[in-house]
Amino acid sequence: MIKKIVLIYGWTILSGSIYGQTGWKEMTWPAYGMDFMLPENFKTKESSTEFFVAEGDGFSFAIQPWRDSTLSLEQVAAKALEQLDADEASITIRDKVDMDGFEGYEIIGAGKQEGSDMIFVVLGFIDPVSDANFSAYILFWHDMKTDDENIRISKQIIEGIRKSVE
């Protein structure tokens, strides 16, 4: 059943437009010229030049920057996936995504963490005008009652990642 949910998530990511952002807050990471949107109930757990981590209602969102201009977009995403803390991970979708100023590649799948089923989106993305790469993770616990809403939220988080307007 998790694979079916992940397939629906992937289709949702690849189709449709941005939903209204009511109930969301704008976050800025000036060190990397990045803005993104998160639900208002997300609380920042860490915000430094090395990590940004926020959590809310069974969700986890994290971004980690690193530098290496020699890697392709797919290699950046693969490196991000290697760092994912998940057991029994199965990949459902791999695809490029439009990230408004960044070049992105997403990997969607399901796995286990701490013995519980989860769904994950791993993003590898690059700033095409610098040597900055980013690994981003959206994780949530699999629950048939909340999966549809969590899928919608994940889609909005991805659509909200963009370069800051200068």
N, C-alpha and C. Protein backbone atom coordinates (compact mmCIF):
# COMPACT_ATOMS: atom_id res chain seq x y z
N MET A 1 0.81 -1.19 0.00
CA MET A 1 0.00 0.00 0.00
C MET A 1 0.86 1.27 0.00
N ILE A 2 2.01 1.23 0.67
CA ILE A 2 2.88 2.40 0.69
C ILE A 2 3.31 2.76 -0.72
N LYS A 3 3.65 1.75 -1.55
CA LYS A 3 4.08 2.05 -2.91
C LYS A 3 2.97 2.75 -3.69
N LYS A 4 1.71 2.36 -3.48
CA LYS A 4 0.60 3.00 -4.15
C LYS A 4 0.52 4.47 -3.73
N ILE A 5 0.66 4.73 -2.44
CA ILE A 5 0.62 6.11 -1.94
C ILE A 5 1.76 6.91 -2.56
N VAL A 6 2.95 6.34 -2.64
CA VAL A 6 4.10 7.04 -3.20
C VAL A 6 3.88 7.30 -4.69
N LEU A 7 3.30 6.36 -5.41
CA LEU A 7 3.01 6.58 -6.82
C LEU A 7 2.02 7.73 -6.99
N ILE A 8 1.00 7.79 -6.16
CA ILE A 8 0.04 8.89 -6.22
C ILE A 8 0.76 10.20 -5.92
N TYR A 9 1.64 10.19 -4.92
CA TYR A 9 2.41 11.38 -4.58
C TYR A 9 3.22 11.84 -5.77
N GLY A 10 3.91 10.92 -6.43
CA GLY A 10 4.73 11.27 -7.57
C GLY A 10 3.91 11.88 -8.68
N TRP A 11 2.75 11.31 -8.95
CA TRP A 11 1.89 11.87 -9.98
C TRP A 11 1.45 13.27 -9.59
N THR A 12 1.14 13.46 -8.32
CA THR A 12 0.71 14.76 -7.84
C THR A 12 1.83 15.78 -7.99
N ILE A 13 3.05 15.39 -7.69
CA ILE A 13 4.19 16.29 -7.81
C ILE A 13 4.39 16.72 -9.26
N LEU A 14 4.23 15.79 -10.18
CA LEU A 14 4.52 16.07 -11.58
C LEU A 14 3.39 16.78 -12.29
N SER A 15 2.23 16.88 -11.69
CA SER A 15 1.11 17.55 -12.32
C SER A 15 0.55 18.61 -11.40
N GLY A 16 -0.23 19.51 -11.95
CA GLY A 16 -0.90 20.50 -11.13
C GLY A 16 -0.07 21.73 -10.91
N SER A 17 -0.70 22.71 -10.28
CA SER A 17 -0.03 23.97 -10.01
C SER A 17 0.05 24.19 -8.51
N ILE A 18 0.69 25.30 -8.14
CA ILE A 18 0.85 25.61 -6.72
C ILE A 18 -0.51 25.88 -6.10
N TYR A 19 -0.74 25.29 -4.94
CA TYR A 19 -1.96 25.56 -4.19
C TYR A 19 -1.81 26.91 -3.50
N GLY A 20 -2.92 27.47 -3.05
CA GLY A 20 -2.86 28.70 -2.28
C GLY A 20 -2.01 28.52 -1.05
N GLN A 21 -1.30 29.53 -0.65
CA GLN A 21 -0.35 29.41 0.45
C GLN A 21 -0.91 29.92 1.78
N THR A 22 -2.24 29.96 1.95
CA THR A 22 -2.84 30.35 3.22
C THR A 22 -2.41 29.36 4.30
N GLY A 23 -1.99 29.89 5.46
CA GLY A 23 -1.54 29.01 6.54
C GLY A 23 -0.08 28.62 6.42
N TRP A 24 0.65 29.32 5.58
CA TRP A 24 2.07 29.03 5.37
C TRP A 24 2.89 30.25 5.76
N LYS A 25 4.16 30.00 6.07
CA LYS A 25 5.06 31.10 6.39
C LYS A 25 6.27 31.07 5.47
N GLU A 26 6.73 32.25 5.14
CA GLU A 26 7.90 32.42 4.27
C GLU A 26 9.16 32.31 5.12
N MET A 27 10.08 31.48 4.68
CA MET A 27 11.37 31.32 5.36
C MET A 27 12.45 31.79 4.39
N THR A 28 13.48 32.41 4.92
CA THR A 28 14.60 32.87 4.09
C THR A 28 15.88 32.34 4.69
N TRP A 29 16.75 31.86 3.80
CA TRP A 29 18.08 31.41 4.21
C TRP A 29 19.07 32.27 3.46
N PRO A 30 19.37 33.48 3.99
CA PRO A 30 20.16 34.46 3.24
C PRO A 30 21.56 34.00 2.86
N ALA A 31 22.18 33.16 3.67
CA ALA A 31 23.54 32.70 3.36
C ALA A 31 23.60 31.98 2.01
N TYR A 32 22.47 31.43 1.57
CA TYR A 32 22.44 30.68 0.32
C TYR A 32 21.48 31.26 -0.71
N GLY A 33 20.96 32.46 -0.44
CA GLY A 33 20.07 33.11 -1.39
C GLY A 33 18.84 32.29 -1.69
N MET A 34 18.22 31.72 -0.65
CA MET A 34 17.11 30.79 -0.82
C MET A 34 15.91 31.20 0.02
N ASP A 35 14.74 31.07 -0.58
CA ASP A 35 13.48 31.24 0.14
C ASP A 35 12.71 29.95 0.00
N PHE A 36 11.86 29.67 0.98
CA PHE A 36 10.97 28.52 0.89
C PHE A 36 9.78 28.75 1.78
N MET A 37 8.73 28.00 1.54
CA MET A 37 7.49 28.11 2.29
C MET A 37 7.31 26.85 3.14
N LEU A 38 6.88 27.04 4.38
CA LEU A 38 6.57 25.92 5.27
C LEU A 38 5.23 26.19 5.95
N PRO A 39 4.51 25.13 6.31
CA PRO A 39 3.28 25.34 7.06
C PRO A 39 3.56 26.12 8.34
N GLU A 40 2.60 26.94 8.75
CA GLU A 40 2.77 27.77 9.95
C GLU A 40 3.06 26.96 11.20
N ASN A 41 2.59 25.71 11.27
CA ASN A 41 2.81 24.91 12.48
C ASN A 41 4.20 24.28 12.55
N PHE A 42 5.02 24.43 11.51
CA PHE A 42 6.39 23.92 11.56
C PHE A 42 7.22 24.80 12.48
N LYS A 43 8.02 24.15 13.29
CA LYS A 43 8.91 24.86 14.20
C LYS A 43 10.35 24.61 13.76
N THR A 44 11.13 25.68 13.70
CA THR A 44 12.53 25.57 13.33
C THR A 44 13.29 24.90 14.47
N LYS A 45 13.99 23.79 14.16
CA LYS A 45 14.79 23.09 15.15
C LYS A 45 16.25 23.52 15.07
N GLU A 46 16.70 23.86 13.86
CA GLU A 46 18.06 24.34 13.67
C GLU A 46 18.11 25.20 12.43
N SER A 47 18.82 26.31 12.53
CA SER A 47 19.04 27.18 11.38
C SER A 47 20.43 27.76 11.50
N SER A 48 21.34 27.22 10.70
CA SER A 48 22.73 27.66 10.71
C SER A 48 23.23 27.66 9.28
N THR A 49 24.49 27.95 9.08
CA THR A 49 25.04 27.87 7.73
C THR A 49 25.26 26.42 7.30
N GLU A 50 25.13 25.47 8.24
CA GLU A 50 25.35 24.06 7.92
C GLU A 50 24.05 23.28 7.73
N PHE A 51 22.95 23.68 8.39
CA PHE A 51 21.69 22.95 8.31
C PHE A 51 20.52 23.89 8.50
N PHE A 52 19.40 23.51 7.90
CA PHE A 52 18.12 24.06 8.28
C PHE A 52 17.22 22.86 8.54
N VAL A 53 16.60 22.81 9.72
CA VAL A 53 15.72 21.70 10.07
C VAL A 53 14.46 22.28 10.72
N ALA A 54 13.30 21.81 10.24
CA ALA A 54 12.02 22.20 10.84
C ALA A 54 11.14 20.96 10.94
N GLU A 55 10.25 20.96 11.93
CA GLU A 55 9.34 19.82 12.13
C GLU A 55 7.95 20.34 12.45
N GLY A 56 6.96 19.51 12.09
CA GLY A 56 5.58 19.85 12.41
C GLY A 56 4.64 18.70 12.10
N ASP A 57 3.80 18.34 13.04
CA ASP A 57 2.75 17.34 12.87
C ASP A 57 3.19 16.07 12.12
N GLY A 58 4.21 15.41 12.64
CA GLY A 58 4.67 14.16 12.04
C GLY A 58 5.55 14.33 10.82
N PHE A 59 5.90 15.56 10.49
CA PHE A 59 6.73 15.89 9.34
C PHE A 59 8.12 16.29 9.79
N SER A 60 9.06 16.10 8.91
CA SER A 60 10.41 16.61 9.10
C SER A 60 10.87 17.18 7.77
N PHE A 61 11.48 18.35 7.81
CA PHE A 61 12.02 19.01 6.61
C PHE A 61 13.42 19.47 6.94
N ALA A 62 14.38 19.12 6.09
CA ALA A 62 15.77 19.51 6.35
C ALA A 62 16.46 19.84 5.04
N ILE A 63 17.35 20.83 5.11
CA ILE A 63 18.21 21.19 3.97
C ILE A 63 19.63 21.26 4.48
N GLN A 64 20.54 20.69 3.70
CA GLN A 64 21.96 20.75 4.03
C GLN A 64 22.72 21.20 2.79
N PRO A 65 23.49 22.28 2.87
CA PRO A 65 24.29 22.73 1.73
C PRO A 65 25.66 22.05 1.72
N TRP A 66 26.25 21.97 0.56
CA TRP A 66 27.61 21.50 0.41
C TRP A 66 28.12 21.98 -0.95
N ARG A 67 29.39 21.92 -1.16
CA ARG A 67 29.98 22.47 -2.39
C ARG A 67 30.75 21.40 -3.16
N ASP A 68 30.43 21.29 -4.44
CA ASP A 68 31.16 20.41 -5.35
C ASP A 68 30.60 20.66 -6.75
N SER A 69 31.32 21.44 -7.53
CA SER A 69 30.83 21.80 -8.87
C SER A 69 31.10 20.72 -9.91
N THR A 70 31.70 19.59 -9.51
CA THR A 70 32.03 18.55 -10.49
C THR A 70 30.91 17.53 -10.70
N LEU A 71 29.87 17.58 -9.85
CA LEU A 71 28.82 16.57 -9.92
C LEU A 71 27.65 17.01 -10.80
N SER A 72 27.04 16.04 -11.47
CA SER A 72 25.83 16.30 -12.23
C SER A 72 24.65 16.41 -11.27
N LEU A 73 23.54 16.89 -11.77
CA LEU A 73 22.34 17.00 -10.95
C LEU A 73 21.92 15.64 -10.39
N GLU A 74 21.96 14.60 -11.22
CA GLU A 74 21.59 13.26 -10.77
C GLU A 74 22.55 12.75 -9.70
N GLN A 75 23.84 13.08 -9.83
CA GLN A 75 24.82 12.67 -8.82
C GLN A 75 24.59 13.40 -7.50
N VAL A 76 24.19 14.66 -7.56
CA VAL A 76 23.88 15.41 -6.35
C VAL A 76 22.70 14.75 -5.63
N ALA A 77 21.66 14.36 -6.39
CA ALA A 77 20.50 13.69 -5.79
C ALA A 77 20.90 12.33 -5.22
N ALA A 78 21.74 11.59 -5.93
CA ALA A 78 22.17 10.27 -5.44
C ALA A 78 22.96 10.41 -4.14
N LYS A 79 23.80 11.44 -4.06
CA LYS A 79 24.57 11.67 -2.83
C LYS A 79 23.62 12.01 -1.67
N ALA A 80 22.58 12.80 -1.97
CA ALA A 80 21.59 13.12 -0.93
C ALA A 80 20.89 11.85 -0.46
N LEU A 81 20.54 10.97 -1.40
CA LEU A 81 19.86 9.72 -1.04
C LEU A 81 20.75 8.84 -0.15
N GLU A 82 22.05 8.81 -0.43
CA GLU A 82 22.98 8.03 0.38
C GLU A 82 22.94 8.45 1.85
N GLN A 83 22.65 9.72 2.10
CA GLN A 83 22.66 10.24 3.47
C GLN A 83 21.32 10.06 4.18
N LEU A 84 20.31 9.56 3.48
CA LEU A 84 18.99 9.36 4.09
C LEU A 84 19.05 8.26 5.14
N ASP A 85 18.51 8.55 6.31
CA ASP A 85 18.48 7.57 7.39
C ASP A 85 17.18 6.78 7.29
N ALA A 86 17.20 5.70 6.49
CA ALA A 86 15.99 4.87 6.31
C ALA A 86 16.41 3.43 6.05
N ASP A 87 15.65 2.53 6.61
CA ASP A 87 15.84 1.11 6.36
C ASP A 87 14.82 0.68 5.31
N GLU A 88 15.16 -0.38 4.59
CA GLU A 88 14.25 -0.97 3.61
C GLU A 88 13.69 0.06 2.63
N ALA A 89 14.53 1.01 2.23
CA ALA A 89 14.07 2.07 1.31
C ALA A 89 13.80 1.50 -0.07
N SER A 90 12.66 1.85 -0.61
CA SER A 90 12.35 1.49 -1.99
C SER A 90 12.00 2.78 -2.74
N ILE A 91 12.61 2.93 -3.90
CA ILE A 91 12.45 4.13 -4.71
C ILE A 91 11.32 3.91 -5.70
N THR A 92 10.43 4.87 -5.78
CA THR A 92 9.31 4.79 -6.69
C THR A 92 9.48 5.70 -7.89
N ILE A 93 9.98 6.92 -7.66
CA ILE A 93 10.10 7.91 -8.74
C ILE A 93 11.42 8.64 -8.61
N ARG A 94 12.03 8.90 -9.76
CA ARG A 94 13.20 9.77 -9.88
C ARG A 94 12.91 10.70 -11.04
N ASP A 95 13.01 12.01 -10.82
CA ASP A 95 12.68 12.93 -11.89
C ASP A 95 13.21 14.33 -11.60
N LYS A 96 13.45 15.10 -12.66
CA LYS A 96 13.82 16.50 -12.52
C LYS A 96 12.60 17.30 -12.10
N VAL A 97 12.85 18.35 -11.32
CA VAL A 97 11.77 19.24 -10.90
C VAL A 97 12.20 20.69 -11.12
N ASP A 98 11.22 21.53 -11.43
CA ASP A 98 11.46 22.96 -11.60
C ASP A 98 11.46 23.61 -10.23
N MET A 99 12.53 24.29 -9.90
CA MET A 99 12.65 24.87 -8.57
C MET A 99 12.92 26.37 -8.60
N ASP A 100 12.47 27.05 -9.64
CA ASP A 100 12.50 28.51 -9.70
C ASP A 100 13.87 29.11 -9.34
N GLY A 101 14.84 28.88 -10.22
CA GLY A 101 16.18 29.42 -10.02
C GLY A 101 17.21 28.38 -9.64
N PHE A 102 16.77 27.26 -9.13
CA PHE A 102 17.64 26.13 -8.84
C PHE A 102 17.32 25.02 -9.83
N GLU A 103 18.26 24.11 -10.02
CA GLU A 103 18.01 22.91 -10.81
C GLU A 103 17.85 21.77 -9.82
N GLY A 104 16.72 21.07 -9.89
CA GLY A 104 16.41 20.06 -8.89
C GLY A 104 16.13 18.69 -9.47
N TYR A 105 16.35 17.69 -8.64
CA TYR A 105 16.09 16.29 -8.99
C TYR A 105 15.54 15.62 -7.74
N GLU A 106 14.34 15.03 -7.86
CA GLU A 106 13.71 14.42 -6.70
C GLU A 106 13.74 12.90 -6.79
N ILE A 107 13.82 12.31 -5.62
CA ILE A 107 13.73 10.87 -5.47
C ILE A 107 12.66 10.61 -4.42
N ILE A 108 11.63 9.89 -4.82
CA ILE A 108 10.49 9.65 -3.94
C ILE A 108 10.43 8.16 -3.62
N GLY A 109 10.15 7.86 -2.37
CA GLY A 109 10.07 6.45 -1.99
C GLY A 109 9.48 6.26 -0.62
N ALA A 110 9.61 5.04 -0.15
CA ALA A 110 9.10 4.66 1.16
C ALA A 110 10.17 3.82 1.85
N GLY A 111 10.11 3.81 3.15
CA GLY A 111 11.06 3.01 3.93
C GLY A 111 10.62 2.96 5.37
N LYS A 112 11.55 2.61 6.21
CA LYS A 112 11.28 2.54 7.64
C LYS A 112 12.33 3.35 8.37
N GLN A 113 11.87 3.98 9.44
CA GLN A 113 12.78 4.69 10.33
C GLN A 113 12.29 4.42 11.74
N GLU A 114 13.19 3.98 12.58
CA GLU A 114 12.84 3.62 13.96
C GLU A 114 11.72 2.58 13.98
N GLY A 115 11.69 1.69 12.97
CA GLY A 115 10.71 0.62 12.90
C GLY A 115 9.35 1.01 12.37
N SER A 116 9.15 2.29 12.03
CA SER A 116 7.86 2.76 11.53
C SER A 116 7.94 3.07 10.04
N ASP A 117 6.82 2.86 9.34
CA ASP A 117 6.76 3.16 7.91
C ASP A 117 6.76 4.66 7.69
N MET A 118 7.53 5.08 6.68
CA MET A 118 7.56 6.50 6.34
C MET A 118 7.58 6.64 4.82
N ILE A 119 7.21 7.82 4.38
CA ILE A 119 7.33 8.21 2.98
C ILE A 119 8.34 9.34 2.94
N PHE A 120 9.19 9.34 1.93
CA PHE A 120 10.22 10.37 1.85
C PHE A 120 10.32 10.96 0.45
N VAL A 121 10.76 12.21 0.44
CA VAL A 121 11.17 12.89 -0.78
C VAL A 121 12.57 13.38 -0.51
N VAL A 122 13.49 12.97 -1.34
CA VAL A 122 14.86 13.44 -1.26
C VAL A 122 15.08 14.34 -2.47
N LEU A 123 15.54 15.55 -2.23
CA LEU A 123 15.83 16.49 -3.30
C LEU A 123 17.33 16.73 -3.34
N GLY A 124 17.89 16.63 -4.51
CA GLY A 124 19.23 17.09 -4.75
C GLY A 124 19.06 18.29 -5.66
N PHE A 125 19.60 19.43 -5.28
CA PHE A 125 19.48 20.57 -6.18
C PHE A 125 20.72 21.43 -6.14
N ILE A 126 20.93 22.14 -7.23
CA ILE A 126 22.13 22.94 -7.40
C ILE A 126 21.76 24.37 -7.76
N ASP A 127 22.66 25.26 -7.41
CA ASP A 127 22.57 26.65 -7.85
C ASP A 127 23.42 26.71 -9.12
N PRO A 128 22.81 26.92 -10.28
CA PRO A 128 23.56 26.86 -11.54
C PRO A 128 24.60 27.97 -11.71
N VAL A 129 24.59 29.00 -10.85
CA VAL A 129 25.56 30.07 -10.99
C VAL A 129 26.63 30.05 -9.89
N SER A 130 26.67 28.96 -9.12
CA SER A 130 27.72 28.81 -8.10
C SER A 130 28.05 27.33 -7.95
N ASP A 131 28.93 27.02 -7.02
CA ASP A 131 29.28 25.62 -6.77
C ASP A 131 28.46 25.04 -5.62
N ALA A 132 27.38 25.73 -5.23
CA ALA A 132 26.56 25.27 -4.11
C ALA A 132 25.60 24.16 -4.55
N ASN A 133 25.59 23.10 -3.77
CA ASN A 133 24.65 22.00 -3.93
C ASN A 133 23.86 21.89 -2.64
N PHE A 134 22.68 21.27 -2.73
CA PHE A 134 21.85 21.13 -1.55
C PHE A 134 21.23 19.74 -1.53
N SER A 135 21.14 19.19 -0.34
CA SER A 135 20.37 17.97 -0.09
C SER A 135 19.19 18.41 0.76
N ALA A 136 17.99 18.04 0.33
CA ALA A 136 16.80 18.38 1.11
C ALA A 136 15.98 17.11 1.32
N TYR A 137 15.33 17.04 2.47
CA TYR A 137 14.58 15.85 2.85
C TYR A 137 13.22 16.26 3.39
N ILE A 138 12.19 15.64 2.89
CA ILE A 138 10.84 15.77 3.44
C ILE A 138 10.43 14.36 3.84
N LEU A 139 10.16 14.17 5.11
CA LEU A 139 9.81 12.85 5.63
C LEU A 139 8.52 12.95 6.42
N PHE A 140 7.67 11.95 6.28
CA PHE A 140 6.51 11.87 7.15
C PHE A 140 6.13 10.42 7.36
N TRP A 141 5.52 10.17 8.50
CA TRP A 141 5.10 8.83 8.87
C TRP A 141 3.91 8.42 8.02
N HIS A 142 3.94 7.20 7.53
CA HIS A 142 2.83 6.65 6.74
C HIS A 142 1.64 6.41 7.65
N ASP A 143 0.52 7.03 7.28
CA ASP A 143 -0.74 6.85 8.01
C ASP A 143 -1.86 7.10 7.01
N MET A 144 -2.65 6.07 6.75
CA MET A 144 -3.72 6.18 5.74
C MET A 144 -4.65 7.36 6.00
N LYS A 145 -4.82 7.76 7.25
CA LYS A 145 -5.72 8.86 7.57
C LYS A 145 -5.16 10.22 7.17
N THR A 146 -3.82 10.33 7.13
CA THR A 146 -3.21 11.64 6.87
C THR A 146 -2.35 11.67 5.61
N ASP A 147 -2.17 10.54 4.94
CA ASP A 147 -1.27 10.52 3.78
C ASP A 147 -1.67 11.50 2.69
N ASP A 148 -2.95 11.60 2.34
CA ASP A 148 -3.36 12.52 1.27
C ASP A 148 -2.99 13.96 1.61
N GLU A 149 -3.28 14.37 2.83
CA GLU A 149 -2.93 15.74 3.25
C GLU A 149 -1.42 15.93 3.29
N ASN A 150 -0.68 14.94 3.77
CA ASN A 150 0.77 15.05 3.82
C ASN A 150 1.39 15.11 2.43
N ILE A 151 0.79 14.41 1.49
CA ILE A 151 1.24 14.48 0.11
C ILE A 151 1.04 15.89 -0.44
N ARG A 152 -0.11 16.47 -0.17
CA ARG A 152 -0.39 17.83 -0.61
C ARG A 152 0.60 18.82 0.01
N ILE A 153 0.88 18.67 1.28
CA ILE A 153 1.84 19.54 1.97
C ILE A 153 3.24 19.39 1.37
N SER A 154 3.66 18.15 1.12
CA SER A 154 4.99 17.91 0.53
C SER A 154 5.11 18.59 -0.82
N LYS A 155 4.07 18.50 -1.63
CA LYS A 155 4.07 19.14 -2.95
C LYS A 155 4.25 20.64 -2.80
N GLN A 156 3.53 21.25 -1.86
CA GLN A 156 3.65 22.69 -1.65
C GLN A 156 5.03 23.09 -1.14
N ILE A 157 5.63 22.27 -0.30
CA ILE A 157 6.98 22.58 0.18
C ILE A 157 7.95 22.62 -1.00
N ILE A 158 7.88 21.60 -1.86
CA ILE A 158 8.78 21.55 -3.02
C ILE A 158 8.56 22.76 -3.92
N GLU A 159 7.28 23.07 -4.19
CA GLU A 159 6.98 24.20 -5.07
C GLU A 159 7.41 25.53 -4.48
N GLY A 160 7.57 25.59 -3.16
CA GLY A 160 7.94 26.84 -2.51
C GLY A 160 9.43 27.10 -2.42
N ILE A 161 10.27 26.15 -2.78
CA ILE A 161 11.73 26.35 -2.73
C ILE A 161 12.15 27.14 -3.97
N ARG A 162 12.83 28.27 -3.74
CA ARG A 162 13.23 29.11 -4.86
C ARG A 162 14.40 30.00 -4.46
N LYS A 163 15.04 30.55 -5.48
CA LYS A 163 16.11 31.53 -5.22
C LYS A 163 15.48 32.82 -4.74
N SER A 164 16.15 33.47 -3.83
CA SER A 164 15.67 34.77 -3.33
C SER A 164 15.71 35.79 -4.45
N VAL A 165 14.75 36.68 -4.44
CA VAL A 165 14.74 37.78 -5.40
C VAL A 165 15.69 38.83 -4.88
N GLU A 166 16.60 39.24 -5.73
CA GLU A 166 17.63 40.22 -5.29
C GLU A 166 17.18 41.62 -5.50
